[in-house]
Amino acid sequence: MPDPVIEQAAAAVSPPTEEILRDMGIAQGQLGRWSDAVASFTRLVNEYPEGKSGRWFLAEAQRAAGDDIAAWRTYERLLQKTPS
């Protein structure tokens, strides 16, 4: 069930900025809504592919959601993109 406050905050800025999507995913994770956090971070990575933290947050959310394979693949793509 979506949190109305988070959804209202995201709708207030259209289209959502990189910071809004990141903060929304973080808030969802803090609430234990890991599948929602994965969706927010996936959108962050898709809409802002050059962002430095999006893939890291996505991988962490995937791991917390119990999808270790997806998390591993996301970490791998992150390392390919920025090996350092």
PDB file of N, CA and C in Angstrom:
ATOM      1  N   MET A   1       0.843  -1.177   0.000  1.00  0.00           N
ATOM      2  CA  MET A   1       0.000   0.000   0.000  1.00  0.00           C
ATOM      3  C   MET A   1       0.890   1.243   0.000  1.00  0.00           C
ATOM      4  N   PRO A   2       0.784   2.086  -0.995  1.00  0.00           N
ATOM      5  CA  PRO A   2       1.627   3.278  -1.086  1.00  0.00           C
ATOM      6  C   PRO A   2       1.393   4.236   0.082  1.00  0.00           C
ATOM      7  N   ASP A   3       2.469   4.845   0.507  1.00  0.00           N
ATOM      8  CA  ASP A   3       2.386   5.847   1.562  1.00  0.00           C
ATOM      9  C   ASP A   3       1.928   7.158   0.933  1.00  0.00           C
ATOM     10  N   PRO A   4       0.782   7.713   1.363  1.00  0.00           N
ATOM     11  CA  PRO A   4       0.253   8.911   0.705  1.00  0.00           C
ATOM     12  C   PRO A   4       1.181  10.116   0.788  1.00  0.00           C
ATOM     13  N   VAL A   5       1.910  10.251   1.877  1.00  0.00           N
ATOM     14  CA  VAL A   5       2.804  11.404   2.019  1.00  0.00           C
ATOM     15  C   VAL A   5       3.934  11.323   0.998  1.00  0.00           C
ATOM     16  N   ILE A   6       4.518  10.137   0.846  1.00  0.00           N
ATOM     17  CA  ILE A   6       5.603   9.963  -0.116  1.00  0.00           C
ATOM     18  C   ILE A   6       5.089  10.184  -1.537  1.00  0.00           C
ATOM     19  N   GLU A   7       3.936   9.625  -1.835  1.00  0.00           N
ATOM     20  CA  GLU A   7       3.377   9.776  -3.175  1.00  0.00           C
ATOM     21  C   GLU A   7       3.030  11.236  -3.475  1.00  0.00           C
ATOM     22  N   GLN A   8       2.496  11.961  -2.509  1.00  0.00           N
ATOM     23  CA  GLN A   8       2.167  13.375  -2.701  1.00  0.00           C
ATOM     24  C   GLN A   8       3.427  14.195  -2.915  1.00  0.00           C
ATOM     25  N   ALA A   9       4.473  13.879  -2.171  1.00  0.00           N
ATOM     26  CA  ALA A   9       5.740  14.601  -2.325  1.00  0.00           C
ATOM     27  C   ALA A   9       6.313  14.381  -3.719  1.00  0.00           C
ATOM     28  N   ALA A  10       6.245  13.154  -4.197  1.00  0.00           N
ATOM     29  CA  ALA A  10       6.771  12.845  -5.528  1.00  0.00           C
ATOM     30  C   ALA A  10       5.952  13.536  -6.609  1.00  0.00           C
ATOM     31  N   ALA A  11       4.654  13.636  -6.415  1.00  0.00           N
ATOM     32  CA  ALA A  11       3.787  14.261  -7.415  1.00  0.00           C
ATOM     33  C   ALA A  11       3.921  15.775  -7.432  1.00  0.00           C
ATOM     34  N   ALA A  12       4.451  16.342  -6.355  1.00  0.00           N
ATOM     35  CA  ALA A  12       4.564  17.793  -6.265  1.00  0.00           C
ATOM     36  C   ALA A  12       5.566  18.352  -7.266  1.00  0.00           C
ATOM     37  N   VAL A  13       6.532  17.561  -7.648  1.00  0.00           N
ATOM     38  CA  VAL A  13       7.542  17.985  -8.619  1.00  0.00           C
ATOM     39  C   VAL A  13       7.399  17.086  -9.843  1.00  0.00           C
ATOM     40  N   SER A  14       7.040  17.687 -10.951  1.00  0.00           N
ATOM     41  CA  SER A  14       6.823  16.882 -12.139  1.00  0.00           C
ATOM     42  C   SER A  14       7.614  17.460 -13.304  1.00  0.00           C
ATOM     43  N   PRO A  15       8.495  16.702 -13.916  1.00  0.00           N
ATOM     44  CA  PRO A  15       8.864  15.345 -13.552  1.00  0.00           C
ATOM     45  C   PRO A  15       9.768  15.356 -12.320  1.00  0.00           C
ATOM     46  N   PRO A  16       9.775  14.250 -11.585  1.00  0.00           N
ATOM     47  CA  PRO A  16      10.593  14.206 -10.370  1.00  0.00           C
ATOM     48  C   PRO A  16      12.077  14.381 -10.695  1.00  0.00           C
ATOM     49  N   THR A  17      12.747  15.126  -9.870  1.00  0.00           N
ATOM     50  CA  THR A  17      14.189  15.323 -10.032  1.00  0.00           C
ATOM     51  C   THR A  17      14.935  14.084  -9.541  1.00  0.00           C
ATOM     52  N   GLU A  18      16.201  14.053  -9.840  1.00  0.00           N
ATOM     53  CA  GLU A  18      17.052  12.960  -9.364  1.00  0.00           C
ATOM     54  C   GLU A  18      16.998  12.862  -7.839  1.00  0.00           C
ATOM     55  N   GLU A  19      17.034  13.998  -7.173  1.00  0.00           N
ATOM     56  CA  GLU A  19      17.024  14.023  -5.712  1.00  0.00           C
ATOM     57  C   GLU A  19      15.698  13.509  -5.155  1.00  0.00           C
ATOM     58  N   ILE A  20      14.586  13.879  -5.797  1.00  0.00           N
ATOM     59  CA  ILE A  20      13.266  13.417  -5.342  1.00  0.00           C
ATOM     60  C   ILE A  20      13.179  11.897  -5.440  1.00  0.00           C
ATOM     61  N   LEU A  21      13.590  11.335  -6.567  1.00  0.00           N
ATOM     62  CA  LEU A  21      13.523   9.883  -6.741  1.00  0.00           C
ATOM     63  C   LEU A  21      14.429   9.174  -5.740  1.00  0.00           C
ATOM     64  N   ARG A  22      15.619   9.718  -5.519  1.00  0.00           N
ATOM     65  CA  ARG A  22      16.542   9.116  -4.551  1.00  0.00           C
ATOM     66  C   ARG A  22      15.947   9.159  -3.147  1.00  0.00           C
ATOM     67  N   ASP A  23      15.458  10.326  -2.753  1.00  0.00           N
ATOM     68  CA  ASP A  23      14.918  10.479  -1.405  1.00  0.00           C
ATOM     69  C   ASP A  23      13.656   9.644  -1.202  1.00  0.00           C
ATOM     70  N   MET A  24      12.853   9.528  -2.257  1.00  0.00           N
ATOM     71  CA  MET A  24      11.658   8.715  -2.165  1.00  0.00           C
ATOM     72  C   MET A  24      12.036   7.244  -1.949  1.00  0.00           C
ATOM     73  N   GLY A  25      13.017   6.757  -2.689  1.00  0.00           N
ATOM     74  CA  GLY A  25      13.472   5.376  -2.513  1.00  0.00           C
ATOM     75  C   GLY A  25      14.056   5.140  -1.135  1.00  0.00           C
ATOM     76  N   ILE A  26      14.815   6.102  -0.644  1.00  0.00           N
ATOM     77  CA  ILE A  26      15.389   5.975   0.704  1.00  0.00           C
ATOM     78  C   ILE A  26      14.274   5.906   1.744  1.00  0.00           C
ATOM     79  N   ALA A  27      13.288   6.796   1.623  1.00  0.00           N
ATOM     80  CA  ALA A  27      12.169   6.801   2.573  1.00  0.00           C
ATOM     81  C   ALA A  27      11.404   5.481   2.519  1.00  0.00           C
ATOM     82  N   GLN A  28      11.168   4.961   1.323  1.00  0.00           N
ATOM     83  CA  GLN A  28      10.464   3.687   1.195  1.00  0.00           C
ATOM     84  C   GLN A  28      11.263   2.568   1.861  1.00  0.00           C
ATOM     85  N   GLY A  29      12.576   2.583   1.687  1.00  0.00           N
ATOM     86  CA  GLY A  29      13.414   1.582   2.339  1.00  0.00           C
ATOM     87  C   GLY A  29      13.357   1.699   3.848  1.00  0.00           C
ATOM     88  N   GLN A  30      13.380   2.915   4.358  1.00  0.00           N
ATOM     89  CA  GLN A  30      13.302   3.112   5.805  1.00  0.00           C
ATOM     90  C   GLN A  30      11.985   2.602   6.372  1.00  0.00           C
ATOM     91  N   LEU A  31      10.947   2.617   5.542  1.00  0.00           N
ATOM     92  CA  LEU A  31       9.643   2.088   5.957  1.00  0.00           C
ATOM     93  C   LEU A  31       9.538   0.578   5.741  1.00  0.00           C
ATOM     94  N   GLY A  32      10.609  -0.025   5.196  1.00  0.00           N
ATOM     95  CA  GLY A  32      10.602  -1.458   4.941  1.00  0.00           C
ATOM     96  C   GLY A  32       9.865  -1.845   3.675  1.00  0.00           C
ATOM     97  N   ARG A  33       9.581  -0.888   2.826  1.00  0.00           N
ATOM     98  CA  ARG A  33       8.867  -1.132   1.569  1.00  0.00           C
ATOM     99  C   ARG A  33       9.897  -1.312   0.455  1.00  0.00           C
ATOM    100  N   TRP A  34      10.605  -2.431   0.505  1.00  0.00           N
ATOM    101  CA  TRP A  34      11.753  -2.625  -0.371  1.00  0.00           C
ATOM    102  C   TRP A  34      11.369  -2.772  -1.836  1.00  0.00           C
ATOM    103  N   SER A  35      10.240  -3.385  -2.144  1.00  0.00           N
ATOM    104  CA  SER A  35       9.867  -3.505  -3.556  1.00  0.00           C
ATOM    105  C   SER A  35       9.527  -2.131  -4.131  1.00  0.00           C
ATOM    106  N   ASP A  36       8.924  -1.252  -3.322  1.00  0.00           N
ATOM    107  CA  ASP A  36       8.667   0.116  -3.772  1.00  0.00           C
ATOM    108  C   ASP A  36       9.980   0.882  -3.937  1.00  0.00           C
ATOM    109  N   ALA A  37      10.917   0.641  -3.018  1.00  0.00           N
ATOM    110  CA  ALA A  37      12.223   1.294  -3.117  1.00  0.00           C
ATOM    111  C   ALA A  37      12.940   0.844  -4.384  1.00  0.00           C
ATOM    112  N   VAL A  38      12.864  -0.447  -4.694  1.00  0.00           N
ATOM    113  CA  VAL A  38      13.469  -0.959  -5.930  1.00  0.00           C
ATOM    114  C   VAL A  38      12.866  -0.248  -7.132  1.00  0.00           C
ATOM    115  N   ALA A  39      11.548  -0.081  -7.138  1.00  0.00           N
ATOM    116  CA  ALA A  39      10.881   0.595  -8.260  1.00  0.00           C
ATOM    117  C   ALA A  39      11.350   2.045  -8.374  1.00  0.00           C
ATOM    118  N   SER A  40      11.474   2.739  -7.254  1.00  0.00           N
ATOM    119  CA  SER A  40      11.926   4.135  -7.280  1.00  0.00           C
ATOM    120  C   SER A  40      13.364   4.243  -7.766  1.00  0.00           C
ATOM    121  N   PHE A  41      14.224   3.350  -7.276  1.00  0.00           N
ATOM    122  CA  PHE A  41      15.626   3.408  -7.687  1.00  0.00           C
ATOM    123  C   PHE A  41      15.806   2.946  -9.135  1.00  0.00           C
ATOM    124  N   THR A  42      14.963   2.025  -9.589  1.00  0.00           N
ATOM    125  CA  THR A  42      15.007   1.631 -10.995  1.00  0.00           C
ATOM    126  C   THR A  42      14.644   2.824 -11.874  1.00  0.00           C
ATOM    127  N   ARG A  43      13.615   3.537 -11.480  1.00  0.00           N
ATOM    128  CA  ARG A  43      13.233   4.739 -12.225  1.00  0.00           C
ATOM    129  C   ARG A  43      14.353   5.774 -12.186  1.00  0.00           C
ATOM    130  N   LEU A  44      15.003   5.915 -11.031  1.00  0.00           N
ATOM    131  CA  LEU A  44      16.125   6.844 -10.897  1.00  0.00           C
ATOM    132  C   LEU A  44      17.232   6.492 -11.886  1.00  0.00           C
ATOM    133  N   VAL A  45      17.591   5.217 -11.951  1.00  0.00           N
ATOM    134  CA  VAL A  45      18.662   4.775 -12.855  1.00  0.00           C
ATOM    135  C   VAL A  45      18.251   4.967 -14.315  1.00  0.00           C
ATOM    136  N   ASN A  46      16.989   4.683 -14.624  1.00  0.00           N
ATOM    137  CA  ASN A  46      16.530   4.820 -16.002  1.00  0.00           C
ATOM    138  C   ASN A  46      16.437   6.273 -16.450  1.00  0.00           C
ATOM    139  N   GLU A  47      15.963   7.141 -15.573  1.00  0.00           N
ATOM    140  CA  GLU A  47      15.778   8.541 -15.954  1.00  0.00           C
ATOM    141  C   GLU A  47      17.047   9.377 -15.805  1.00  0.00           C
ATOM    142  N   TYR A  48      17.944   8.949 -14.931  1.00  0.00           N
ATOM    143  CA  TYR A  48      19.199   9.680 -14.702  1.00  0.00           C
ATOM    144  C   TYR A  48      20.364   8.688 -14.721  1.00  0.00           C
ATOM    145  N   PRO A  49      20.651   8.104 -15.890  1.00  0.00           N
ATOM    146  CA  PRO A  49      21.660   7.042 -15.966  1.00  0.00           C
ATOM    147  C   PRO A  49      23.073   7.490 -15.615  1.00  0.00           C
ATOM    148  N   GLU A  50      23.345   8.764 -15.691  1.00  0.00           N
ATOM    149  CA  GLU A  50      24.690   9.240 -15.368  1.00  0.00           C
ATOM    150  C   GLU A  50      24.864   9.531 -13.876  1.00  0.00           C
ATOM    151  N   GLY A  51      23.783   9.427 -13.115  1.00  0.00           N
ATOM    152  CA  GLY A  51      23.868   9.662 -11.669  1.00  0.00           C
ATOM    153  C   GLY A  51      24.809   8.665 -11.018  1.00  0.00           C
ATOM    154  N   LYS A  52      25.547   9.123 -10.039  1.00  0.00           N
ATOM    155  CA  LYS A  52      26.568   8.275  -9.431  1.00  0.00           C
ATOM    156  C   LYS A  52      26.019   7.309  -8.390  1.00  0.00           C
ATOM    157  N   SER A  53      24.960   7.662  -7.708  1.00  0.00           N
ATOM    158  CA  SER A  53      24.511   6.830  -6.594  1.00  0.00           C
ATOM    159  C   SER A  53      23.326   5.933  -6.921  1.00  0.00           C
ATOM    160  N   GLY A  54      22.654   6.153  -8.042  1.00  0.00           N
ATOM    161  CA  GLY A  54      21.436   5.412  -8.350  1.00  0.00           C
ATOM    162  C   GLY A  54      21.606   3.913  -8.365  1.00  0.00           C
ATOM    163  N   ARG A  55      22.630   3.420  -9.060  1.00  0.00           N
ATOM    164  CA  ARG A  55      22.830   1.975  -9.142  1.00  0.00           C
ATOM    165  C   ARG A  55      23.189   1.378  -7.790  1.00  0.00           C
ATOM    166  N   TRP A  56      23.952   2.120  -6.999  1.00  0.00           N
ATOM    167  CA  TRP A  56      24.306   1.618  -5.669  1.00  0.00           C
ATOM    168  C   TRP A  56      23.048   1.461  -4.816  1.00  0.00           C
ATOM    169  N   PHE A  57      22.213   2.498  -4.782  1.00  0.00           N
ATOM    170  CA  PHE A  57      20.967   2.423  -4.025  1.00  0.00           C
ATOM    171  C   PHE A  57      20.071   1.301  -4.551  1.00  0.00           C
ATOM    172  N   LEU A  58      20.004   1.144  -5.863  1.00  0.00           N
ATOM    173  CA  LEU A  58      19.192   0.082  -6.450  1.00  0.00           C
ATOM    174  C   LEU A  58      19.677  -1.286  -5.996  1.00  0.00           C
ATOM    175  N   ALA A  59      20.975  -1.518  -6.070  1.00  0.00           N
ATOM    176  CA  ALA A  59      21.526  -2.812  -5.653  1.00  0.00           C
ATOM    177  C   ALA A  59      21.255  -3.085  -4.176  1.00  0.00           C
ATOM    178  N   GLU A  60      21.412  -2.083  -3.347  1.00  0.00           N
ATOM    179  CA  GLU A  60      21.157  -2.264  -1.913  1.00  0.00           C
ATOM    180  C   GLU A  60      19.684  -2.583  -1.655  1.00  0.00           C
ATOM    181  N   ALA A  61      18.783  -1.910  -2.372  1.00  0.00           N
ATOM    182  CA  ALA A  61      17.350  -2.172  -2.208  1.00  0.00           C
ATOM    183  C   ALA A  61      16.998  -3.567  -2.717  1.00  0.00           C
ATOM    184  N   GLN A  62      17.590  -3.970  -3.826  1.00  0.00           N
ATOM    185  CA  GLN A  62      17.340  -5.315  -4.357  1.00  0.00           C
ATOM    186  C   GLN A  62      17.803  -6.369  -3.357  1.00  0.00           C
ATOM    187  N   ARG A  63      18.957  -6.144  -2.766  1.00  0.00           N
ATOM    188  CA  ARG A  63      19.479  -7.089  -1.772  1.00  0.00           C
ATOM    189  C   ARG A  63      18.550  -7.154  -0.563  1.00  0.00           C
ATOM    190  N   ALA A  64      18.105  -5.992  -0.085  1.00  0.00           N
ATOM    191  CA  ALA A  64      17.203  -5.952   1.070  1.00  0.00           C
ATOM    192  C   ALA A  64      15.850  -6.595   0.753  1.00  0.00           C
ATOM    193  N   ALA A  65      15.434  -6.507  -0.519  1.00  0.00           N
ATOM    194  CA  ALA A  65      14.168  -7.108  -0.938  1.00  0.00           C
ATOM    195  C   ALA A  65      14.299  -8.620  -1.124  1.00  0.00           C
ATOM    196  N   GLY A  66      15.523  -9.136  -1.009  1.00  0.00           N
ATOM    197  CA  GLY A  66      15.750 -10.572  -1.132  1.00  0.00           C
ATOM    198  C   GLY A  66      16.089 -11.042  -2.522  1.00  0.00           C
ATOM    199  N   ASP A  67      16.327 -10.127  -3.439  1.00  0.00           N
ATOM    200  CA  ASP A  67      16.666 -10.500  -4.818  1.00  0.00           C
ATOM    201  C   ASP A  67      18.180 -10.367  -5.006  1.00  0.00           C
ATOM    202  N   ASP A  68      18.888 -11.335  -4.456  1.00  0.00           N
ATOM    203  CA  ASP A  68      20.353 -11.285  -4.470  1.00  0.00           C
ATOM    204  C   ASP A  68      20.936 -11.345  -5.880  1.00  0.00           C
ATOM    205  N   ILE A  69      20.300 -12.079  -6.774  1.00  0.00           N
ATOM    206  CA  ILE A  69      20.817 -12.181  -8.141  1.00  0.00           C
ATOM    207  C   ILE A  69      20.736 -10.830  -8.845  1.00  0.00           C
ATOM    208  N   ALA A  70      19.589 -10.166  -8.738  1.00  0.00           N
ATOM    209  CA  ALA A  70      19.448  -8.839  -9.352  1.00  0.00           C
ATOM    210  C   ALA A  70      20.429  -7.859  -8.727  1.00  0.00           C
ATOM    211  N   ALA A  71      20.608  -7.952  -7.413  1.00  0.00           N
ATOM    212  CA  ALA A  71      21.559  -7.062  -6.736  1.00  0.00           C
ATOM    213  C   ALA A  71      22.972  -7.299  -7.256  1.00  0.00           C
ATOM    214  N   TRP A  72      23.352  -8.548  -7.399  1.00  0.00           N
ATOM    215  CA  TRP A  72      24.681  -8.875  -7.898  1.00  0.00           C
ATOM    216  C   TRP A  72      24.884  -8.305  -9.297  1.00  0.00           C
ATOM    217  N   ARG A  73      23.868  -8.458 -10.146  1.00  0.00           N
ATOM    218  CA  ARG A  73      23.964  -7.925 -11.511  1.00  0.00           C
ATOM    219  C   ARG A  73      24.065  -6.402 -11.516  1.00  0.00           C
ATOM    220  N   THR A  74      23.329  -5.757 -10.623  1.00  0.00           N
ATOM    221  CA  THR A  74      23.387  -4.299 -10.551  1.00  0.00           C
ATOM    222  C   THR A  74      24.751  -3.847 -10.045  1.00  0.00           C
ATOM    223  N   TYR A  75      25.286  -4.525  -9.025  1.00  0.00           N
ATOM    224  CA  TYR A  75      26.644  -4.198  -8.565  1.00  0.00           C
ATOM    225  C   TYR A  75      27.644  -4.365  -9.695  1.00  0.00           C
ATOM    226  N   GLU A  76      27.493  -5.437 -10.467  1.00  0.00           N
ATOM    227  CA  GLU A  76      28.409  -5.709 -11.572  1.00  0.00           C
ATOM    228  C   GLU A  76      28.352  -4.575 -12.611  1.00  0.00           C
ATOM    229  N   ARG A  77      27.134  -4.133 -12.970  1.00  0.00           N
ATOM    230  CA  ARG A  77      27.003  -3.024 -13.929  1.00  0.00           C
ATOM    231  C   ARG A  77      27.604  -1.750 -13.366  1.00  0.00           C
ATOM    232  N   LEU A  78      27.448  -1.547 -12.077  1.00  0.00           N
ATOM    233  CA  LEU A  78      28.027  -0.369 -11.429  1.00  0.00           C
ATOM    234  C   LEU A  78      29.554  -0.411 -11.538  1.00  0.00           C
ATOM    235  N   LEU A  79      30.150  -1.564 -11.289  1.00  0.00           N
ATOM    236  CA  LEU A  79      31.597  -1.686 -11.385  1.00  0.00           C
ATOM    237  C   LEU A  79      32.093  -1.530 -12.822  1.00  0.00           C
ATOM    238  N   GLN A  80      31.317  -1.994 -13.777  1.00  0.00           N
ATOM    239  CA  GLN A  80      31.710  -1.826 -15.176  1.00  0.00           C
ATOM    240  C   GLN A  80      31.672  -0.356 -15.565  1.00  0.00           C
ATOM    241  N   LYS A  81      30.719   0.358 -15.012  1.00  0.00           N
ATOM    242  CA  LYS A  81      30.561   1.769 -15.346  1.00  0.00           C
ATOM    243  C   LYS A  81      31.615   2.627 -14.656  1.00  0.00           C
ATOM    244  N   THR A  82      31.865   2.338 -13.399  1.00  0.00           N
ATOM    245  CA  THR A  82      32.840   3.115 -12.610  1.00  0.00           C
ATOM    246  C   THR A  82      33.718   2.138 -11.827  1.00  0.00           C
ATOM    247  N   PRO A  83      34.775   1.609 -12.426  1.00  0.00           N
ATOM    248  CA  PRO A  83      35.588   0.578 -11.787  1.00  0.00           C
ATOM    249  C   PRO A  83      36.293   1.021 -10.512  1.00  0.00           C
ATOM    250  N   SER A  84      36.449   2.303 -10.291  1.00  0.00           N
ATOM    251  CA  SER A  84      37.152   2.727  -9.079  1.00  0.00           C
ATOM    252  C   SER A  84      36.230   2.843  -7.954  1.00  0.00           C
TER     253      SER A  84
END
